Amino acid sequence: MKDRTAEAGAMASLASEVEGMSLSVVIPAYNEEGAVRHTIEDVRAHLDPLGLPYEIIVIDDGSEDRTLEIARETGVVVDSNQVNTGYGASLKRGIKHAQYEYVAILDADGTYPARYLPPMLAMCRNQDMVVGDRGAAMKNVPMIRRPAKFILNHFASFLAERKLNDLNSGLRIFRKSELVPFVPLLPQKFSFTTTITLCMACNGKRMIYTPIEYGKRVGKSKIRPVDFLNFIILVLRMTVLFNPLRVFIPLGLALMALGVTKFVYDIFMDNLSETTIFAFLSALIIWSLGLIADMISRLHLRP
């Protein structure tokens, strides 16, 4: 009885915190017939008591099972890519459908509990994006993928000049108006969430993390081992776009240091080598490219 009273009190408090807000929940789905209905019901169960305007949008990514049929049976907004286009393509289609300023994305495989949506929405009132940080809950991620995620997160944090706890969490709430300028940059595949994180982090947007539990997925993962290499390339590409000097200056400095070291050695040997000249010229070229990239980035992202 006490537990129910406490739960009711917490829900009333959350309802007060999100008063006047509204939410569009976008759920991308590909071959998720075993989990999509439960995911939709879970969202409804946690948003209905708040009394706020909300909508659930399911985007079927050309599923080969009954995912599309089951989603339509639930009465939510449903659209389809018709063919398998990608996770990012599904999210972009869903965001385009969204009629409210606050948009949540949530995977259809049961890994992200919908109970986090109300508190995350309340936090987003004073933020541009709130991200579910899986943290210790990442124990449910297959062992073979953990080293890749660890390296990727630390690499991205270095490039973005801030700590990124969870680079590609599939549970987040953001302001639609803050995301719109970046839509042309967002990819069609799994790297969509990675790109959103870097867009926000590298452009000074207000972004915070909140701890969540990460459940065991229903069905099979759609991520392949080769996607780690694609993630690394994506992080580098996004950083070059948003913060190019963070990449080019250290690289140029390394080449310049190599050139200086070789130059000292050449003086000692009384022989100026081609390697020294090549290192100096390479450093100058790298810095020049960095300055050009920085100028293009500023022109591209100016208000």
Protein backbone atom coordinates (compact mmCIF):
# COMPACT_ATOMS: atom_id res chain seq x y z
CA MET A 1 0.00 0.00 0.00
CA LYS A 2 2.86 2.35 0.90
CA ASP A 3 4.59 1.53 -2.40
CA ARG A 4 1.46 2.44 -4.37
CA THR A 5 1.04 5.68 -2.43
CA ALA A 6 4.67 6.61 -3.06
CA GLU A 7 4.31 5.76 -6.74
CA ALA A 8 1.17 7.88 -7.04
CA GLY A 9 2.91 10.76 -5.31
CA ALA A 10 5.90 10.52 -7.65
CA MET A 11 3.61 10.48 -10.68
CA ALA A 12 1.72 13.54 -9.42
CA SER A 13 5.02 15.35 -8.93
CA LEU A 14 6.13 14.45 -12.47
CA ALA A 15 2.78 15.58 -13.88
CA SER A 16 3.33 18.96 -12.24
CA GLU A 17 6.87 19.22 -13.65
CA VAL A 18 5.79 18.54 -17.24
CA GLU A 19 2.66 20.69 -17.11
CA GLY A 20 2.25 22.67 -20.32
CA MET A 21 4.63 20.41 -22.25
CA SER A 22 3.84 17.94 -25.04
CA LEU A 23 5.76 15.05 -26.55
CA SER A 24 6.15 13.13 -29.79
CA VAL A 25 7.62 9.65 -29.31
CA VAL A 26 9.29 8.23 -32.42
CA ILE A 27 9.86 4.47 -32.50
CA PRO A 28 11.85 3.04 -35.44
CA ALA A 29 11.15 -0.65 -36.02
CA TYR A 30 12.67 -3.31 -38.23
CA ASN A 31 11.59 -6.93 -37.76
CA GLU A 32 10.41 -6.29 -34.18
CA GLU A 33 7.12 -8.23 -34.18
CA GLY A 34 7.98 -9.71 -30.80
CA ALA A 35 8.48 -6.40 -29.03
CA VAL A 36 6.80 -3.51 -30.86
CA ARG A 37 3.36 -3.95 -29.22
CA HIS A 38 4.86 -4.14 -25.73
CA THR A 39 7.00 -1.06 -26.41
CA ILE A 40 3.95 0.97 -27.47
CA GLU A 41 1.94 -0.21 -24.46
CA ASP A 42 4.86 0.63 -22.17
CA VAL A 43 4.98 4.19 -23.53
CA ARG A 44 1.24 4.64 -23.07
CA ALA A 45 1.33 3.25 -19.54
CA HIS A 46 3.86 5.88 -18.45
CA LEU A 47 2.56 8.88 -20.40
CA ASP A 48 -1.20 8.51 -19.92
CA PRO A 49 -1.12 9.30 -16.16
CA LEU A 50 0.65 12.60 -16.85
CA GLY A 51 -2.32 14.05 -18.73
CA LEU A 52 -0.12 15.80 -21.29
CA PRO A 53 -0.66 15.86 -25.07
CA TYR A 54 1.49 13.20 -26.72
CA GLU A 55 1.68 11.05 -29.81
CA ILE A 56 3.43 7.80 -30.67
CA ILE A 57 4.90 7.47 -34.16
CA VAL A 58 6.12 4.09 -35.36
CA ILE A 59 8.22 3.99 -38.52
CA ASP A 60 8.53 0.54 -40.04
CA ASP A 61 11.80 0.13 -41.93
CA GLY A 62 10.64 -2.42 -44.50
CA SER A 63 10.18 -5.25 -42.01
CA GLU A 64 9.84 -8.77 -43.34
CA ASP A 65 7.68 -9.96 -40.45
CA ARG A 66 4.41 -8.69 -38.91
CA THR A 67 5.92 -5.54 -37.33
CA LEU A 68 3.97 -3.13 -39.57
CA GLU A 69 0.69 -4.99 -39.11
CA ILE A 70 1.02 -5.16 -35.32
CA ALA A 71 1.93 -1.47 -35.07
CA ARG A 72 -1.18 -0.51 -37.03
CA GLU A 73 -3.35 -2.63 -34.74
CA THR A 74 -2.32 -0.50 -31.75
CA GLY A 75 -3.86 2.66 -33.21
CA VAL A 76 -0.71 4.82 -33.13
CA VAL A 77 0.60 6.89 -36.04
CA VAL A 78 2.34 4.48 -38.41
CA ASP A 79 4.42 5.10 -41.52
CA SER A 80 6.73 2.87 -43.52
CA ASN A 81 9.93 3.22 -45.52
CA GLN A 82 8.57 0.36 -47.68
CA VAL A 83 12.11 -0.98 -48.13
CA ASN A 84 14.88 -1.34 -45.55
CA THR A 85 16.45 2.13 -45.69
CA GLY A 86 18.13 2.37 -42.31
CA TYR A 87 17.71 3.31 -38.64
CA GLY A 88 18.56 6.95 -39.31
CA ALA A 89 16.17 7.18 -42.25
CA SER A 90 13.35 5.87 -40.03
CA LEU A 91 14.09 8.41 -37.31
CA LYS A 92 14.23 11.30 -39.78
CA ARG A 93 10.87 10.26 -41.22
CA GLY A 94 9.41 10.03 -37.72
CA ILE A 95 10.79 13.42 -36.65
CA LYS A 96 9.30 14.94 -39.79
CA HIS A 97 5.89 13.58 -38.71
CA ALA A 98 6.26 14.92 -35.15
CA GLN A 99 3.85 17.75 -34.38
CA TYR A 100 5.28 18.70 -30.97
CA GLU A 101 8.42 20.63 -30.02
CA TYR A 102 9.76 17.93 -27.71
CA VAL A 103 10.63 14.68 -29.48
CA ALA A 104 11.69 11.40 -27.89
CA ILE A 105 13.30 8.51 -29.73
CA LEU A 106 12.96 5.01 -28.37
CA ASP A 107 14.01 1.67 -29.84
CA ALA A 108 11.29 -0.92 -30.43
CA ASP A 109 13.30 -3.89 -29.14
CA GLY A 110 12.48 -3.53 -25.43
CA THR A 111 15.97 -2.38 -24.35
CA TYR A 112 14.89 1.10 -23.23
CA PRO A 113 12.13 1.21 -20.57
CA ALA A 114 9.54 3.93 -21.20
CA ARG A 115 9.41 4.80 -17.49
CA TYR A 116 12.32 7.16 -18.09
CA LEU A 117 10.37 9.33 -20.53
CA PRO A 118 8.47 11.47 -17.95
CA PRO A 119 11.54 12.48 -15.87
CA MET A 120 13.62 13.02 -19.00
CA LEU A 121 10.92 15.27 -20.45
CA ALA A 122 10.87 17.30 -17.22
CA MET A 123 14.67 17.72 -17.43
CA CYS A 124 14.45 18.78 -21.07
CA ARG A 125 12.46 21.89 -20.16
CA ASN A 126 15.78 23.61 -19.46
CA GLN A 127 17.90 21.62 -21.93
CA ASP A 128 18.23 21.14 -25.67
CA MET A 129 18.69 17.38 -25.31
CA VAL A 130 18.54 14.80 -22.52
CA VAL A 131 20.26 11.48 -23.19
CA GLY A 132 19.74 8.19 -21.39
CA ASP A 133 23.15 7.08 -20.11
CA ARG A 134 23.32 3.31 -20.01
CA GLY A 135 26.48 3.34 -17.84
CA ALA A 136 26.78 0.18 -15.76
CA ALA A 137 23.68 -1.15 -17.50
CA MET A 138 25.87 -1.71 -20.56
CA LYS A 139 26.44 -5.19 -19.14
CA ASN A 140 23.59 -6.23 -21.42
CA VAL A 141 25.62 -5.20 -24.48
CA PRO A 142 27.38 -8.23 -26.04
CA MET A 143 31.02 -8.56 -24.94
CA ILE A 144 32.27 -8.37 -28.51
CA ARG A 145 30.82 -4.84 -28.85
CA ARG A 146 32.00 -3.37 -25.53
CA PRO A 147 35.64 -2.60 -26.48
CA ALA A 148 34.44 -0.85 -29.64
CA LYS A 149 31.98 1.29 -27.68
CA PHE A 150 34.61 2.13 -25.05
CA ILE A 151 37.18 3.26 -27.63
CA LEU A 152 34.58 5.14 -29.66
CA ASN A 153 33.21 7.07 -26.66
CA HIS A 154 36.66 8.15 -25.49
CA PHE A 155 37.74 9.10 -29.01
CA ALA A 156 34.60 11.20 -29.52
CA SER A 157 34.99 12.85 -26.10
CA PHE A 158 38.52 13.93 -27.02
CA LEU A 159 37.39 15.38 -30.33
CA ALA A 160 34.31 17.10 -28.90
CA GLU A 161 36.30 18.56 -25.96
CA ARG A 162 33.79 17.33 -23.40
CA LYS A 163 32.93 14.02 -21.78
CA LEU A 164 30.35 12.08 -23.76
CA ASN A 165 29.08 9.39 -21.42
CA ASP A 166 27.06 7.47 -23.98
CA LEU A 167 27.64 8.40 -27.60
CA ASN A 168 24.91 6.38 -29.30
CA SER A 169 22.21 5.80 -26.73
CA GLY A 170 18.88 5.08 -28.41
CA LEU A 171 16.83 6.83 -25.71
CA ARG A 172 16.84 10.61 -25.75
CA ILE A 173 14.52 13.63 -25.77
CA PHE A 174 15.38 16.82 -27.64
CA ARG A 175 13.85 20.02 -28.92
CA LYS A 176 12.83 19.57 -32.55
CA SER A 177 13.73 23.18 -33.37
CA GLU A 178 17.32 22.61 -32.19
CA LEU A 179 17.72 19.53 -34.38
CA VAL A 180 16.27 20.89 -37.63
CA PRO A 181 19.45 22.75 -38.72
CA PHE A 182 21.42 19.49 -38.49
CA VAL A 183 18.96 17.25 -40.35
CA PRO A 184 20.90 17.42 -43.68
CA LEU A 185 23.96 16.08 -41.84
CA LEU A 186 22.20 13.15 -40.20
CA PRO A 187 22.97 9.77 -41.81
CA GLN A 188 20.53 7.07 -42.86
CA LYS A 189 22.06 4.23 -40.83
CA PHE A 190 22.87 3.38 -37.19
CA SER A 191 25.26 6.32 -36.81
CA PHE A 192 22.27 8.70 -36.58
CA THR A 193 22.41 8.92 -32.77
CA THR A 194 26.19 9.33 -32.82
CA THR A 195 25.81 12.26 -35.19
CA ILE A 196 23.12 13.93 -33.06
CA THR A 197 25.38 13.72 -30.01
CA LEU A 198 28.32 15.29 -31.84
CA CYS A 199 26.12 17.97 -33.43
CA MET A 200 24.90 19.07 -30.01
CA ALA A 201 28.26 18.71 -28.22
CA CYS A 202 30.34 20.53 -30.83
CA ASN A 203 27.90 23.42 -31.16
CA GLY A 204 27.51 24.35 -27.51
CA LYS A 205 23.98 23.04 -27.12
CA ARG A 206 22.66 22.28 -23.66
CA MET A 207 22.93 18.52 -23.29
CA ILE A 208 22.86 16.39 -20.17
CA TYR A 209 22.91 12.69 -19.39
CA THR A 210 20.71 10.81 -16.97
CA PRO A 211 21.33 7.23 -15.78
CA ILE A 212 19.01 4.54 -17.13
CA GLU A 213 18.75 0.77 -17.06
CA TYR A 214 19.42 -0.97 -20.34
CA GLY A 215 17.32 -4.09 -20.82
CA LYS A 216 18.01 -7.24 -22.76
CA ARG A 217 16.76 -6.84 -26.30
CA VAL A 218 13.98 -8.94 -27.83
CA GLY A 219 15.14 -10.51 -31.09
CA LYS A 220 18.52 -10.16 -32.81
CA SER A 221 20.72 -7.07 -33.00
CA LYS A 222 20.91 -5.36 -36.40
CA ILE A 223 24.42 -3.95 -35.79
CA ARG A 224 27.31 -5.61 -37.62
CA PRO A 225 31.00 -5.69 -36.53
CA VAL A 226 31.95 -3.52 -39.51
CA ASP A 227 29.78 -0.72 -38.10
CA PHE A 228 32.52 0.12 -35.57
CA LEU A 229 34.81 1.22 -38.41
CA ASN A 230 31.93 3.22 -39.87
CA PHE A 231 31.43 4.88 -36.46
CA ILE A 232 35.09 5.91 -36.26
CA ILE A 233 34.95 7.40 -39.75
CA LEU A 234 31.74 9.20 -38.82
CA VAL A 235 33.19 10.69 -35.63
CA LEU A 236 36.21 11.97 -37.54
CA ARG A 237 34.03 13.38 -40.31
CA MET A 238 31.67 15.14 -37.91
CA THR A 239 34.53 16.62 -35.90
CA VAL A 240 36.22 17.88 -39.04
CA LEU A 241 32.94 19.57 -39.90
CA PHE A 242 32.22 21.05 -36.47
CA ASN A 243 35.68 21.45 -34.92
CA PRO A 244 38.33 20.87 -37.63
CA LEU A 245 41.20 22.59 -35.80
CA ARG A 246 40.87 19.97 -33.06
CA VAL A 247 42.07 17.43 -35.65
CA PHE A 248 44.40 19.40 -37.89
CA ILE A 249 46.42 21.36 -35.30
CA PRO A 250 47.70 18.30 -33.34
CA LEU A 251 48.44 16.46 -36.59
CA GLY A 252 50.39 19.46 -37.92
CA LEU A 253 52.24 19.81 -34.63
CA ALA A 254 53.26 16.15 -34.75
CA LEU A 255 54.65 16.57 -38.26
CA MET A 256 56.41 19.82 -37.28
CA ALA A 257 57.98 18.13 -34.23
CA LEU A 258 59.16 15.30 -36.48
CA GLY A 259 60.64 17.83 -38.88
CA VAL A 260 62.43 19.75 -36.11
CA THR A 261 63.84 16.54 -34.63
CA LYS A 262 65.08 15.39 -38.02
CA PHE A 263 66.46 18.87 -38.75
CA VAL A 264 68.58 18.80 -35.57
CA TYR A 265 69.85 15.37 -36.53
CA ASP A 266 70.62 16.57 -40.07
CA ILE A 267 72.62 19.53 -38.71
CA PHE A 268 74.63 17.14 -36.57
CA MET A 269 75.22 14.95 -39.63
CA ASP A 270 75.86 18.04 -41.82
CA ASN A 271 73.26 16.84 -44.35
CA LEU A 272 69.78 18.33 -44.87
CA SER A 273 67.53 15.43 -45.90
CA GLU A 274 64.37 15.31 -48.00
CA THR A 275 62.52 13.86 -44.98
CA THR A 276 63.00 17.08 -43.01
CA ILE A 277 61.70 19.26 -45.83
CA PHE A 278 58.77 16.89 -46.41
CA ALA A 279 57.80 17.00 -42.71
CA PHE A 280 57.85 20.82 -42.61
CA LEU A 281 55.86 21.13 -45.83
CA SER A 282 53.35 18.50 -44.67
CA ALA A 283 52.78 20.41 -41.42
CA LEU A 284 52.12 23.64 -43.31
CA ILE A 285 49.73 21.88 -45.70
CA ILE A 286 47.83 20.23 -42.83
CA TRP A 287 47.47 23.56 -40.99
CA SER A 288 46.32 25.27 -44.18
CA LEU A 289 43.68 22.59 -44.76
CA GLY A 290 42.58 22.97 -41.14
CA LEU A 291 42.12 26.71 -41.49
CA ILE A 292 40.16 26.26 -44.73
CA ALA A 293 37.96 23.58 -43.11
CA ASP A 294 37.38 25.84 -40.10
CA MET A 295 36.33 28.70 -42.37
CA ILE A 296 33.93 26.45 -44.29
CA SER A 297 32.52 25.11 -41.03
CA ARG A 298 31.86 28.61 -39.70
CA LEU A 299 30.19 29.68 -42.95
CA HIS A 300 28.07 26.52 -43.02
CA LEU A 301 26.85 26.83 -39.43
CA ARG A 302 26.51 30.58 -39.08
CA PRO A 303 23.03 31.81 -37.98
